[in-house]
Each structure stands twice: as C-alpha cells, then as structure tokens.
Amino acid sequence: MSTIETHGAIEGVWRIESARLIAGLARIVRDVGIAEELAQDALVIALEKWPESGIPDNPGAWLMATAKHRALDHFRRNKLLERKHEELGRELKSQQESALANFEIPENREIEDDLLRLVFISCHPILSTDARVALTLRLLGGLTTAEIARAYLLPEPTIAQRIVRAKRTLSEAHVPFEVPAENERAARLSSVIEVIYLIFNEGYTATAGSDWMRPALCSDAVRLGRMLAELAPKEAEVHGLVALMEIQSSRFGARTTPSGEPILLLDQNRALWDHLLIRRGLAALARTQQLGAVGPYVLQAAIAACHAQAHTAEETDWAQIADLYSQLAALLPSPIVQLNRAVAVSMAHGPSAGLAMVDALSAEPALKNYHLLPAVRGDFLAKLGRFAEARDEFARGAALTQNAHEREFLFERARKADSGQL
C-alpha cells in the first residue's frame, strides 16, 4: 500500500475511531481538551509509523494504547494526579511496544458509557448552540476545523476559536465527565438531539453558499443519530430523530437536477429515492411506537413517512399530514411549524385555506426575514391565478435567501408567474 493510500486509510480509521478514542481518554484524564490532544498525538504517531509497519489488525486498540502512553507521559511531565500515574502505569506495565497491535480493547459496555458521557458533555447547556455544534462535529463527527468551517461557510479561525473556548469553558467549569442525573437527563438529551438535527438541516438545505445541499453534513448527523440510538435505546425521540433523518436522506438523489437546481418534493422522481434508507427510517419509527411516547421528532418522522409511503405525489395523504402538523404545533408552538401546516392544509383543502393561514402568520416577527414565507404565499397565489402578486412574492423570497441555487430557483418561479406559466 502506498503512503497516499495508507494516509487515506488512516483518515478513514480516524473517522470511525476518534469519538471512542477521545471518550475513553476523557474518562481517564477528566478533561475533553487534553483527551483530544492525546488522541491527536496518537494520530500523528500513526501517520509516522503505519506507512512503514502497515495498518495494525486492530487500529482502534493501537491508537488507544498509544494515546494512553502519551497520557502517562503527560501526567509525569506535569506531576499531576499521582493516583492516575500509578493507575496508568499498572495498566501499561505488561504492554510492550511490539504487542500494541494486539492490545485488548475495553468491553463494549465501557465504550458505550464513555461515548454517552462525551455526547452529553459536547452538548452541555453551559455552551452556546454554535459552540455545541462545532464541538460535537469535532469530537463525535471526527471533522477537522477546516471541514467544519467549510460546511458552515465561516472562517476557519472563527470555528477554531469556538472549539477552543468550548473546551476551556468545560474545563474551567469543572464539568464532570458523566451522564447527568436522571432528573437532568431529559433536558440535556433534548439539547443533544437538537444539535444533531441542526447539523442535519444545514446539510439538507444549506442556509448560504452555492450548494443547495451538503450531503456529507447529513451523513455525519445520521451517523451521530444512529450512535445516540444505540446509546439511548429506550428514548423514543432519539429513534424519531433517526427515522426522520433516514427518510429525508432517502430523497437526495431526486432533490436536484444534474446541474444542482432544486426539485420540489411533489416534482421529484420517486424511483430515485433510496428505499433502503426509507425502510431503515420506517423501522426506527416503528421502534418509537413500541416505546409508546410521541414527541416532536416522532411526529416529524411520521410526516416524512407519509411522503415516503406514497408511491406518487397524488397518493399523498395530505389530510393525515395536516393532522400530524396540528399535533406538532400543539407540542411545539412555532410559526415555522404553522407555515408547514398551512402547506398541508392547502393540499388537503385548497389554496384559499392555506393562504388564509399564511396571511395570519405575516405579522410573526420570527418570519420577518424568512424567505419561505413569501415563497409559500407566492405558490398559493399562483394556484389561485393571482400571478402578478405571486411574482412579487417569489421575488421577495429570492431577495431574502442567502443560498445561490435557491435564489435562482425563486427568481425563475417569479419569471414563470409573470408569464402565467405556473
């Protein structure tokens, strides 16, 4: 294997193993920042040694063993925690460098416990939402600072500062490396779910830039969601989140033209949907029904399932979707939920019913600069034959979006409305 191929393989190993590695080290050193530094040190050593020696049979165990040696050096150098020094010394005493490839890995339960702790720490409420997203992608997604910056169209130093500040905040606050007590867990889990879905949404419909979708971000979010579902198997909302992301991800192949222009849901070629992802999503949704709890993500997954189970756009059960949105609005009062409900009502009961709901939302401060409000209103007006008004609404929506493809899409709808072609 060439050096380039080896480095590519190491990158793949890092994506898979980094979260487990950092989580296990954080349990030992009780500091996420130090744990990440030790993991990075192990990665550098792998990049130096593996092109010559080859990739070990158990690369994750090799990285963990190497990182533990670095941790021992760290404690010696800083004269910290004599107990930890002795603990690590005993653990590593019988390990020889030549036997690192066969280093015994921890039990799965221990790994899962470490990962669950890392999930909760990455999304600790002491951090801002932006910091939680950046730290989660870094520690659990295995993304580099540059990759996170590119994904969110932000300067790399901005992301680097967020991550550094987040780790410093956790360290200075002496946040314990543990799963929160049961009475705190629900709120913290909600934050974890929210962060993962924020990552997914940014990939599903990018808020800015030249790409309408960033599938790699969605893949990272889905992977994090699946991991969380394994770590919290009795939490219905976690399975609801996974179901929602799996089903929405199934549409990627049909959501854009070859040149990248958006294709609306009702116009998509459903033969291009990924039916394996749909089946996985439906299975996750069925799991929520076994658990018996219905929350916002379960309801959103049920809405996505209605679309996925309709073989054609005409077969979509819009009345059921409108009802699900009503339930969602009761649990999660939000103007955006109401806007989506208006679309479902318009499909079930006609554009006039939808327009009345949208007009009632026009004064909502949260939707003042939301480009989809005029876009949806323009669609209703076009269906009612009010093309001049529809043109103005589409143009207003185009002016509000920061995504280049979406802007051109709405301007094109404005042009078609102007000529009465919609």
Protein backbone atom coordinates (compact mmCIF):
# COMPACT_ATOMS: atom_id res chain seq x y z
CA MET A 1 0.00 0.00 0.00
CA SER A 2 1.41 3.40 -1.00
CA THR A 3 1.92 6.23 1.51
CA ILE A 4 -1.03 8.11 -0.01
CA GLU A 5 -3.25 5.03 0.27
CA THR A 6 -2.12 4.46 3.86
CA HIS A 7 -2.87 8.06 4.79
CA GLY A 8 -6.32 7.70 3.23
CA ALA A 9 -6.91 4.53 5.23
CA ILE A 10 -5.74 6.26 8.41
CA GLU A 11 -8.19 9.08 7.75
CA GLY A 12 -10.97 6.50 7.44
CA VAL A 13 -9.90 4.83 10.69
CA TRP A 14 -9.86 8.19 12.42
CA ARG A 15 -13.42 8.96 11.33
CA ILE A 16 -14.59 5.69 12.84
CA GLU A 17 -12.45 5.52 15.97
CA SER A 18 -11.86 9.14 17.04
CA ALA A 19 -15.04 9.53 19.10
CA ARG A 20 -14.41 6.29 21.01
CA LEU A 21 -10.76 7.21 21.48
CA ILE A 22 -11.47 10.71 22.83
CA ALA A 23 -14.30 9.41 25.02
CA GLY A 24 -12.11 6.73 26.58
CA LEU A 25 -9.27 9.17 27.18
CA ALA A 26 -11.59 11.78 28.66
CA ARG A 27 -12.70 9.22 31.23
CA ILE A 28 -9.06 8.79 32.23
CA VAL A 29 -7.85 12.42 32.21
CA ARG A 30 -11.23 14.06 33.03
CA ASP A 31 -10.65 16.84 30.51
CA VAL A 32 -12.04 16.85 26.97
CA GLY A 33 -9.38 19.24 25.68
CA ILE A 34 -6.49 17.15 26.97
CA ALA A 35 -8.19 13.98 25.72
CA GLU A 36 -8.43 15.39 22.21
CA GLU A 37 -4.77 16.46 22.28
CA LEU A 38 -3.71 12.97 23.32
CA ALA A 39 -5.85 11.43 20.57
CA GLN A 40 -4.30 13.79 18.01
CA ASP A 41 -0.83 12.82 19.25
CA ALA A 42 -1.69 9.17 18.67
CA LEU A 43 -2.91 10.02 15.17
CA VAL A 44 0.38 11.81 14.36
CA ILE A 45 2.34 8.77 15.54
CA ALA A 46 0.15 6.53 13.35
CA LEU A 47 0.82 8.76 10.35
CA GLU A 48 4.56 8.36 11.03
CA LYS A 49 4.64 4.62 11.73
CA TRP A 50 1.85 2.94 9.75
CA PRO A 51 3.18 3.73 6.25
CA GLU A 52 6.27 1.66 7.21
CA SER A 53 4.80 -1.01 9.50
CA GLY A 54 1.36 -1.31 7.91
CA ILE A 55 -2.03 -0.74 9.50
CA PRO A 56 -2.47 -2.95 12.59
CA ASP A 57 -5.20 -5.59 12.74
CA ASN A 58 -6.96 -3.57 15.43
CA PRO A 59 -6.18 0.08 14.64
CA GLY A 60 -8.56 1.45 17.28
CA ALA A 61 -6.81 -0.52 20.03
CA TRP A 62 -3.41 0.59 18.71
CA LEU A 63 -4.45 4.24 18.84
CA MET A 64 -5.87 3.84 22.35
CA ALA A 65 -2.74 2.12 23.64
CA THR A 66 -0.51 4.79 22.09
CA ALA A 67 -2.68 7.59 23.47
CA LYS A 68 -2.55 6.03 26.96
CA HIS A 69 1.24 6.04 26.79
CA ARG A 70 1.06 9.72 25.88
CA ALA A 71 -1.31 10.27 28.80
CA LEU A 72 1.21 8.65 31.13
CA ASP A 73 3.89 10.98 29.77
CA HIS A 74 1.53 13.91 30.30
CA PHE A 75 0.96 13.06 33.95
CA ARG A 76 4.68 12.51 34.54
CA ARG A 77 5.59 15.77 32.85
CA ASN A 78 3.07 17.82 34.77
CA LYS A 79 3.43 15.91 38.06
CA LEU A 80 -0.35 15.57 38.16
CA LEU A 81 -2.55 13.03 39.87
CA GLU A 82 -0.14 10.51 41.32
CA ARG A 83 -3.00 8.07 41.61
CA LYS A 84 -3.66 8.34 37.89
CA HIS A 85 0.03 7.88 37.23
CA GLU A 86 0.09 4.62 39.16
CA GLU A 87 -3.21 3.52 37.61
CA LEU A 88 -1.95 4.01 34.07
CA GLY A 89 1.43 2.55 34.96
CA ARG A 90 -0.16 -0.68 36.15
CA GLU A 91 -2.34 -0.86 33.06
CA LEU A 92 0.59 -0.36 30.69
CA LYS A 93 3.33 -2.20 32.58
CA SER A 94 2.76 -5.50 30.83
CA GLN A 95 2.30 -3.95 27.41
CA GLN A 96 5.30 -3.92 25.09
CA GLU A 97 5.51 -1.68 22.02
CA SER A 98 5.79 -4.74 19.78
CA ALA A 99 2.45 -6.04 21.07
CA LEU A 100 0.43 -2.84 20.65
CA ALA A 101 -1.46 -4.20 17.66
CA ASN A 102 -2.94 -6.89 19.89
CA PHE A 103 -3.82 -4.57 22.77
CA GLU A 104 -7.00 -5.75 24.44
CA ILE A 105 -9.84 -3.27 23.88
CA PRO A 106 -12.33 -2.38 26.60
CA GLU A 107 -15.67 -4.11 26.88
CA ASN A 108 -18.43 -2.72 24.63
CA ARG A 109 -20.40 -1.53 27.65
CA GLU A 110 -17.46 0.57 28.83
CA ILE A 111 -17.02 2.08 25.36
CA GLU A 112 -20.74 2.88 25.14
CA ASP A 113 -20.70 4.51 28.58
CA ASP A 114 -17.73 6.66 27.58
CA LEU A 115 -19.40 7.71 24.32
CA LEU A 116 -22.64 8.60 26.08
CA ARG A 117 -20.72 10.79 28.52
CA LEU A 118 -18.94 12.50 25.63
CA VAL A 119 -22.26 13.14 23.86
CA PHE A 120 -23.69 14.87 26.91
CA ILE A 121 -20.52 16.89 27.52
CA SER A 122 -20.34 18.08 23.90
CA CYS A 123 -23.89 19.41 24.21
CA HIS A 124 -23.65 20.75 27.76
CA PRO A 125 -26.06 23.68 28.38
CA ILE A 126 -23.16 25.80 29.62
CA LEU A 127 -22.12 26.12 25.95
CA SER A 128 -23.83 28.21 23.28
CA THR A 129 -25.66 26.38 20.49
CA ASP A 130 -22.96 27.34 17.97
CA ALA A 131 -20.27 26.00 20.31
CA ARG A 132 -22.19 22.75 20.85
CA VAL A 133 -22.50 22.19 17.10
CA ALA A 134 -18.80 22.85 16.46
CA LEU A 135 -17.63 20.72 19.39
CA THR A 136 -19.99 17.86 18.51
CA LEU A 137 -18.76 17.76 14.91
CA ARG A 138 -15.18 17.90 16.13
CA LEU A 139 -15.30 15.30 18.90
CA LEU A 140 -18.07 12.97 17.74
CA GLY A 141 -18.11 13.59 14.00
CA GLY A 142 -14.35 13.42 13.61
CA LEU A 143 -14.33 16.51 11.37
CA THR A 144 -11.36 18.83 11.21
CA THR A 145 -11.70 22.52 11.99
CA ALA A 146 -11.29 23.30 8.29
CA GLU A 147 -14.08 20.88 7.34
CA ILE A 148 -16.48 22.40 9.88
CA ALA A 149 -15.61 25.90 8.66
CA ARG A 150 -16.29 24.90 5.05
CA ALA A 151 -19.56 23.27 5.98
CA TYR A 152 -20.84 26.42 7.67
CA LEU A 153 -19.16 28.91 5.31
CA LEU A 154 -17.28 30.52 8.18
CA PRO A 155 -13.61 31.45 8.52
CA GLU A 156 -11.52 28.65 9.96
CA PRO A 157 -10.23 30.85 12.84
CA THR A 158 -13.85 31.51 13.89
CA ILE A 159 -14.56 27.79 14.21
CA ALA A 160 -11.21 27.18 15.89
CA GLN A 161 -11.98 29.86 18.48
CA ARG A 162 -15.41 28.36 19.16
CA ILE A 163 -13.91 24.94 19.79
CA VAL A 164 -11.09 26.28 21.96
CA ARG A 165 -13.50 28.42 24.01
CA ALA A 166 -15.91 25.49 24.39
CA LYS A 167 -13.20 23.18 25.73
CA ARG A 168 -11.87 25.91 28.01
CA THR A 169 -15.37 26.63 29.31
CA LEU A 170 -15.93 22.96 30.13
CA SER A 171 -12.54 22.71 31.82
CA GLU A 172 -12.87 25.90 33.87
CA ALA A 173 -16.38 24.96 34.98
CA HIS A 174 -15.08 21.53 36.07
CA VAL A 175 -17.93 19.85 34.20
CA PRO A 176 -17.90 16.22 35.39
CA PHE A 177 -17.32 13.55 32.79
CA GLU A 178 -20.53 11.71 33.46
CA VAL A 179 -24.04 11.13 32.20
CA PRO A 180 -26.27 13.64 34.01
CA ALA A 181 -28.60 12.52 36.77
CA GLU A 182 -31.96 11.21 35.64
CA ASN A 183 -33.78 14.41 36.60
CA GLU A 184 -31.45 16.41 34.30
CA ARG A 185 -31.13 13.88 31.50
CA ALA A 186 -34.28 14.70 29.50
CA ALA A 187 -33.37 18.36 29.08
CA ARG A 188 -29.77 17.52 28.19
CA LEU A 189 -30.87 14.81 25.77
CA SER A 190 -33.16 17.33 24.07
CA SER A 191 -30.11 19.55 23.53
CA VAL A 192 -28.15 16.65 22.04
CA ILE A 193 -31.00 15.83 19.65
CA GLU A 194 -31.37 19.49 18.70
CA VAL A 195 -27.68 19.84 17.86
CA ILE A 196 -27.66 16.72 15.70
CA TYR A 197 -30.75 17.89 13.82
CA LEU A 198 -29.26 21.37 13.34
CA ILE A 199 -26.28 19.71 11.70
CA PHE A 200 -28.57 17.59 9.51
CA ASN A 201 -30.72 20.56 8.45
CA GLU A 202 -27.71 22.62 7.43
CA GLY A 203 -26.69 19.76 5.17
CA TYR A 204 -30.21 19.11 3.88
CA THR A 205 -30.89 22.71 2.83
CA ALA A 206 -27.83 24.93 3.20
CA THR A 207 -28.62 28.39 4.54
CA ALA A 208 -26.00 30.06 2.36
CA GLY A 209 -23.45 29.45 -0.36
CA SER A 210 -23.51 27.94 -3.82
CA ASP A 211 -24.62 24.41 -2.89
CA TRP A 212 -28.24 23.71 -2.05
CA MET A 213 -27.33 20.54 -0.15
CA ARG A 214 -24.25 19.33 1.70
CA PRO A 215 -24.78 15.55 1.92
CA ALA A 216 -21.58 14.99 3.93
CA LEU A 217 -23.00 17.02 6.82
CA CYS A 218 -26.20 14.98 6.67
CA SER A 219 -24.19 11.76 6.72
CA ASP A 220 -22.35 12.93 9.83
CA ALA A 221 -25.63 13.81 11.52
CA VAL A 222 -27.20 10.46 10.64
CA ARG A 223 -24.13 8.64 11.96
CA LEU A 224 -24.34 10.61 15.22
CA GLY A 225 -28.06 9.87 15.44
CA ARG A 226 -27.53 6.15 14.96
CA MET A 227 -24.80 6.21 17.61
CA LEU A 228 -27.13 8.00 20.03
CA ALA A 229 -29.90 5.47 19.34
CA GLU A 230 -27.53 2.66 20.34
CA LEU A 231 -26.53 4.53 23.48
CA ALA A 232 -30.09 5.50 24.48
CA PRO A 233 -32.24 2.65 23.10
CA LYS A 234 -35.31 3.41 25.23
CA GLU A 235 -35.64 7.07 24.20
CA ALA A 236 -38.43 7.39 21.61
CA GLU A 237 -37.37 10.87 20.47
CA VAL A 238 -33.90 9.61 19.59
CA HIS A 239 -35.40 6.92 17.34
CA GLY A 240 -37.78 9.54 15.96
CA LEU A 241 -34.82 11.73 15.05
CA VAL A 242 -33.08 8.81 13.32
CA ALA A 243 -36.26 7.90 11.45
CA LEU A 244 -36.71 11.49 10.29
CA MET A 245 -33.13 11.82 9.07
CA GLU A 246 -33.09 8.41 7.36
CA ILE A 247 -36.29 9.14 5.44
CA GLN A 248 -35.28 12.65 4.45
CA SER A 249 -31.85 11.39 3.37
CA SER A 250 -33.56 8.92 1.05
CA ARG A 251 -34.55 11.82 -1.24
CA PHE A 252 -31.05 13.09 -2.01
CA GLY A 253 -30.84 11.51 -5.45
CA ALA A 254 -34.06 13.21 -6.55
CA ARG A 255 -33.79 16.65 -4.90
CA THR A 256 -31.69 18.40 -7.56
CA THR A 257 -31.15 18.47 -11.29
CA PRO A 258 -27.76 17.33 -12.65
CA SER A 259 -26.63 20.97 -12.51
CA GLY A 260 -27.73 21.37 -8.90
CA GLU A 261 -31.05 23.24 -9.19
CA PRO A 262 -33.64 22.29 -6.55
CA ILE A 263 -36.55 20.00 -7.41
CA LEU A 264 -39.63 20.37 -5.22
CA LEU A 265 -40.88 17.33 -3.32
CA LEU A 266 -44.01 16.91 -5.43
CA ASP A 267 -41.98 17.07 -8.65
CA GLN A 268 -39.34 14.53 -7.64
CA ASN A 269 -38.85 11.20 -9.40
CA ARG A 270 -39.65 8.85 -6.54
CA ALA A 271 -37.95 5.96 -8.31
CA LEU A 272 -34.71 7.75 -7.41
CA TRP A 273 -35.47 7.70 -3.68
CA ASP A 274 -33.27 5.35 -1.67
CA HIS A 275 -35.70 2.69 -0.50
CA LEU A 276 -33.17 1.06 1.83
CA LEU A 277 -32.99 4.32 3.80
CA ILE A 278 -36.78 4.52 3.77
CA ARG A 279 -37.04 1.01 5.21
CA ARG A 280 -34.50 1.89 7.87
CA GLY A 281 -36.42 5.04 8.71
CA LEU A 282 -39.73 3.23 8.93
CA ALA A 283 -38.14 0.60 11.19
CA ALA A 284 -36.87 3.35 13.51
CA LEU A 285 -40.34 4.92 13.50
CA ALA A 286 -41.88 1.56 14.40
CA ARG A 287 -39.48 1.41 17.33
CA THR A 288 -40.95 4.66 18.67
CA GLN A 289 -44.42 3.15 18.53
CA GLN A 290 -43.21 0.22 20.64
CA LEU A 291 -41.86 2.67 23.20
CA GLY A 292 -45.20 4.46 23.25
CA ALA A 293 -44.03 8.08 23.55
CA VAL A 294 -44.92 10.75 20.98
CA GLY A 295 -42.75 13.84 20.80
CA PRO A 296 -41.87 16.44 18.15
CA TYR A 297 -39.30 14.29 16.34
CA VAL A 298 -41.58 11.27 16.30
CA LEU A 299 -44.33 13.39 14.74
CA GLN A 300 -41.96 14.88 12.15
CA ALA A 301 -40.79 11.37 11.29
CA ALA A 302 -44.44 10.30 10.89
CA ILE A 303 -44.96 13.20 8.46
CA ALA A 304 -41.88 12.16 6.48
CA ALA A 305 -43.19 8.59 6.45
CA CYS A 306 -46.47 9.74 4.88
CA HIS A 307 -44.50 11.13 1.96
CA ALA A 308 -42.22 8.09 1.75
CA GLN A 309 -45.12 5.63 1.65
CA ALA A 310 -46.92 7.44 -1.20
CA HIS A 311 -45.84 5.90 -4.50
CA THR A 312 -46.84 9.07 -6.35
CA ALA A 313 -47.35 12.65 -5.25
CA GLU A 314 -51.08 12.28 -5.93
CA GLU A 315 -51.34 9.41 -3.42
CA THR A 316 -50.03 11.55 -0.54
CA ASP A 317 -52.41 11.58 2.43
CA TRP A 318 -52.42 15.35 2.99
CA ALA A 319 -55.26 15.22 5.49
CA GLN A 320 -53.21 12.95 7.73
CA ILE A 321 -50.16 15.20 7.30
CA ALA A 322 -52.21 18.26 8.24
CA ASP A 323 -53.44 16.43 11.34
CA LEU A 324 -49.89 15.46 12.29
CA TYR A 325 -48.82 19.09 11.91
CA SER A 326 -51.67 20.12 14.20
CA GLN A 327 -50.37 17.69 16.83
CA LEU A 328 -46.85 19.00 16.29
CA ALA A 329 -47.97 22.60 16.69
CA ALA A 330 -49.62 21.70 20.00
CA LEU A 331 -46.36 20.19 21.28
CA LEU A 332 -44.00 22.66 19.64
CA PRO A 333 -45.69 26.02 19.05
CA SER A 334 -43.71 27.59 16.24
CA PRO A 335 -44.50 29.88 13.29
CA ILE A 336 -42.45 27.62 11.02
CA VAL A 337 -44.50 24.59 12.07
CA GLN A 338 -47.64 26.59 11.34
CA LEU A 339 -46.26 27.55 7.93
CA ASN A 340 -45.68 23.90 7.11
CA ARG A 341 -49.15 23.09 8.39
CA ALA A 342 -50.55 25.73 6.04
CA VAL A 343 -48.95 23.92 3.09
CA ALA A 344 -50.51 20.62 4.17
CA VAL A 345 -53.92 22.26 4.68
CA SER A 346 -53.72 23.86 1.24
CA MET A 347 -53.02 20.48 -0.34
CA ALA A 348 -55.87 18.84 1.58
CA HIS A 349 -58.46 21.65 1.39
CA GLY A 350 -57.36 24.04 -1.33
CA PRO A 351 -55.02 27.06 -1.72
CA SER A 352 -57.54 29.55 -0.25
CA ALA A 353 -57.45 27.74 3.10
CA GLY A 354 -53.67 27.75 3.05
CA LEU A 355 -53.47 31.42 2.06
CA ALA A 356 -55.67 32.45 4.98
CA MET A 357 -53.32 30.67 7.37
CA VAL A 358 -50.22 32.23 5.81
CA ASP A 359 -51.72 35.71 5.93
CA ALA A 360 -52.36 35.18 9.63
CA LEU A 361 -48.63 34.46 10.05
CA SER A 362 -47.43 37.55 8.16
CA ALA A 363 -47.04 39.60 11.35
CA GLU A 364 -44.90 36.99 13.12
CA PRO A 365 -41.52 38.59 13.97
CA ALA A 366 -39.74 35.25 13.63
CA LEU A 367 -40.81 35.02 9.97
CA LYS A 368 -40.00 38.62 9.03
CA ASN A 369 -36.88 37.65 7.07
CA TYR A 370 -37.76 34.01 6.44
CA HIS A 371 -37.66 33.50 2.69
CA LEU A 372 -40.08 30.57 2.65
CA LEU A 373 -42.99 32.67 3.93
CA PRO A 374 -43.26 34.73 0.68
CA ALA A 375 -42.31 31.63 -1.33
CA VAL A 376 -45.22 29.64 0.11
CA ARG A 377 -47.59 32.61 -0.23
CA GLY A 378 -46.50 33.02 -3.85
CA ASP A 379 -47.31 29.38 -4.55
CA PHE A 380 -50.82 29.75 -3.12
CA LEU A 381 -51.43 32.95 -5.08
CA ALA A 382 -50.26 31.31 -8.32
CA LYS A 383 -52.67 28.42 -7.79
CA LEU A 384 -55.45 30.96 -7.35
CA GLY A 385 -54.50 32.65 -10.62
CA ARG A 386 -53.19 35.83 -8.94
CA PHE A 387 -49.98 35.78 -10.93
CA ALA A 388 -48.80 39.37 -10.50
CA GLU A 389 -48.99 39.04 -6.72
CA ALA A 390 -47.32 35.64 -6.89
CA ARG A 391 -44.45 37.11 -8.95
CA ASP A 392 -43.81 39.77 -6.30
CA GLU A 393 -43.84 37.21 -3.50
CA PHE A 394 -41.39 34.91 -5.26
CA ALA A 395 -39.08 37.85 -5.95
CA ARG A 396 -39.26 38.89 -2.29
CA GLY A 397 -38.38 35.37 -1.20
CA ALA A 398 -35.43 35.30 -3.62
CA ALA A 399 -34.11 38.53 -2.15
CA LEU A 400 -34.22 37.09 1.37
CA THR A 401 -32.37 33.80 0.84
CA GLN A 402 -28.58 33.59 1.04
CA ASN A 403 -28.38 30.35 -0.94
CA ALA A 404 -27.46 30.92 -4.58
CA HIS A 405 -29.38 27.94 -6.02
CA GLU A 406 -32.49 28.70 -4.00
CA ARG A 407 -32.33 32.36 -5.03
CA GLU A 408 -32.21 31.47 -8.71
CA PHE A 409 -35.00 28.91 -8.24
CA LEU A 410 -37.31 31.55 -6.73
CA PHE A 411 -36.42 34.12 -9.37
CA GLU A 412 -37.29 31.52 -12.02
CA ARG A 413 -40.67 30.98 -10.37
CA ALA A 414 -41.17 34.75 -10.37
CA ARG A 415 -40.47 34.84 -14.11
CA LYS A 416 -42.89 31.98 -14.77
CA ALA A 417 -45.58 33.63 -12.64
CA ASP A 418 -45.07 36.86 -14.59
CA SER A 419 -45.84 34.99 -17.81
CA GLY A 420 -48.65 32.97 -16.24
CA GLN A 421 -46.83 29.64 -16.73
CA LEU A 422 -47.12 28.34 -13.15
